Protein backbone atom coordinates (compact mmCIF):
# COMPACT_ATOMS: atom_id res chain seq x y z
CA MET A 1 67.71 87.56 50.06
CA THR A 2 71.11 87.56 52.21
CA LYS A 3 74.15 85.92 50.45
CA MET A 4 75.50 83.38 52.59
CA ASN A 5 78.94 81.89 52.52
CA ALA A 6 80.18 78.52 51.08
CA VAL A 7 81.23 76.96 53.73
CA GLY A 8 79.55 76.65 57.06
CA TRP A 9 81.06 73.74 59.02
CA PHE A 10 84.18 71.41 58.37
CA ASP A 11 85.30 68.56 59.65
CA ILE A 12 88.80 67.08 59.51
CA TYR A 13 89.11 63.16 60.30
CA VAL A 14 90.93 61.77 62.09
CA ASP A 15 92.07 58.78 63.39
CA ASN A 16 94.18 58.94 66.89
CA MET A 17 92.05 62.37 68.51
CA ASP A 18 94.92 62.87 71.40
CA ARG A 19 97.30 63.19 68.19
CA ALA A 20 95.13 65.42 66.27
CA VAL A 21 93.82 67.46 69.47
CA ALA A 22 97.76 67.69 70.87
CA PHE A 23 99.34 68.92 67.00
CA TYR A 24 96.31 71.74 66.34
CA GLU A 25 96.76 73.34 69.79
CA ALA A 26 100.42 73.18 69.22
CA VAL A 27 100.42 74.46 65.76
CA LEU A 28 97.37 76.80 66.05
CA ALA A 29 97.58 78.23 69.55
CA THR A 30 94.36 77.25 70.79
CA LYS A 31 92.46 75.19 72.97
CA LEU A 32 90.16 72.82 71.32
CA GLU A 33 86.84 71.75 73.19
CA PRO A 34 84.47 68.44 73.49
CA MET A 35 81.50 68.64 71.36
CA GLY A 36 78.64 66.28 71.74
CA ASP A 37 77.57 64.40 68.43
CA PRO A 38 74.00 63.79 68.34
CA THR A 39 74.46 60.46 66.72
CA GLY A 40 76.64 59.17 69.21
CA GLU A 41 78.40 57.57 66.88
CA ALA A 42 82.08 59.99 66.67
CA GLN A 43 84.17 61.94 68.60
CA MET A 44 84.30 65.71 68.21
CA MET A 45 86.48 68.24 69.49
CA SER A 46 85.78 71.70 68.28
CA PHE A 47 87.72 74.75 66.94
CA PRO A 48 86.98 77.90 69.51
CA THR A 49 83.76 78.87 67.26
CA GLU A 50 81.39 81.93 67.19
CA MET A 51 78.41 80.79 65.27
CA ASN A 52 77.40 84.08 64.47
CA ALA A 53 80.73 85.54 63.40
CA TYR A 54 82.08 85.64 59.64
CA GLY A 55 83.85 82.49 59.05
CA ALA A 56 83.19 78.92 58.90
CA GLY A 57 83.50 76.64 62.99
CA GLY A 58 84.37 73.00 62.27
CA ALA A 59 85.77 70.05 64.61
CA LEU A 60 88.22 66.89 64.55
CA ASN A 61 85.57 64.56 63.90
CA LYS A 62 86.53 60.35 64.67
CA SER A 63 84.18 59.05 63.18
CA PRO A 64 83.26 55.44 61.72
CA HIS A 65 81.75 56.52 58.48
CA ALA A 66 85.31 58.69 57.23
CA GLY A 67 88.66 58.94 57.34
CA PRO A 68 91.68 60.86 57.04
CA GLY A 69 93.80 61.60 54.23
CA ILE A 70 95.40 63.16 51.57
CA GLY A 71 93.46 64.08 48.01
CA GLY A 72 89.95 66.11 48.56
CA THR A 73 88.91 69.13 50.11
CA VAL A 74 91.69 71.81 51.76
CA ILE A 75 91.02 73.88 54.65
CA TYR A 76 93.18 77.01 55.16
CA PHE A 77 92.82 77.88 59.15
CA LEU A 78 93.23 81.68 59.38
CA ALA A 79 96.14 83.71 60.38
CA GLU A 80 97.88 86.64 60.93
CA ASP A 81 101.23 86.09 59.87
CA CYS A 82 101.27 81.94 58.37
CA GLY A 83 104.38 81.30 58.68
CA GLU A 84 104.16 81.67 62.82
CA GLU A 85 101.85 78.76 62.85
CA GLU A 86 104.41 76.85 59.71
CA SER A 87 107.32 77.80 62.23
CA ARG A 88 105.15 74.79 64.84
CA VAL A 89 104.54 72.28 62.92
CA ALA A 90 107.37 69.99 62.82
CA ASP A 91 107.76 69.91 66.96
CA ALA A 92 103.95 69.02 66.90
CA GLY A 93 104.25 66.06 64.20
CA GLY A 94 103.46 67.63 61.15
CA MET A 95 104.95 67.99 57.62
CA VAL A 96 105.68 71.25 56.07
CA VAL A 97 104.35 70.54 52.20
CA GLN A 98 105.12 73.40 50.88
CA PRO A 99 106.25 76.92 53.33
CA LYS A 100 104.91 79.98 53.06
CA PHE A 101 104.40 81.65 49.68
CA SER A 102 103.21 84.62 47.99
CA ILE A 103 99.60 84.04 46.66
CA GLY A 104 99.52 87.34 45.26
CA ASP A 105 97.29 90.49 46.13
CA TYR A 106 95.48 87.29 48.71
CA GLY A 107 98.30 86.98 50.67
CA PHE A 108 100.88 84.17 51.70
CA VAL A 109 99.47 81.04 52.26
CA THR A 110 101.77 77.75 53.50
CA LEU A 111 101.07 74.43 52.62
CA CYS A 112 101.03 71.38 55.58
CA LYS A 113 99.87 67.75 56.60
CA ASP A 114 98.72 66.99 60.30
CA THR A 115 99.37 63.85 61.89
CA GLU A 116 96.75 61.98 60.69
CA GLY A 117 98.13 62.85 56.89
CA ASN A 118 95.52 65.61 56.53
CA LEU A 119 96.64 68.15 54.00
CA PHE A 120 95.22 71.70 55.05
CA GLY A 121 96.27 74.70 54.29
CA ILE A 122 97.47 78.72 56.81
CA SER A 123 96.23 81.81 55.01
CA SER A 124 97.39 85.26 55.85
CA MET A 125 97.63 88.94 54.76
CA LYS A 126 101.35 89.20 55.55
């Protein structure tokens, strides 16, 4: 049997979809795409995702069943050099919680808050 990665998908819950989309598009220098919700209850915007590629895909999710906030799961976005994305966080309306720091043999991480109050990380080898 083939081993699978632990994470197959993620949702980042938001209160204000337009504000959250603008934030992540600015910080990650990417374009999010509308995504249908089969239940019709949530509004979703997907990060660029190739379901057959290594790693997990995910979306911003505005749902009546959950909301944003700090305290639980932290999503780490991959980057060439997390310092680049970190430099765009404040201008996009977020906050750098812990500037780029070494995690030894595993590279570097920066921890930030998005416009919705979610804690997230950016990870790189540089």
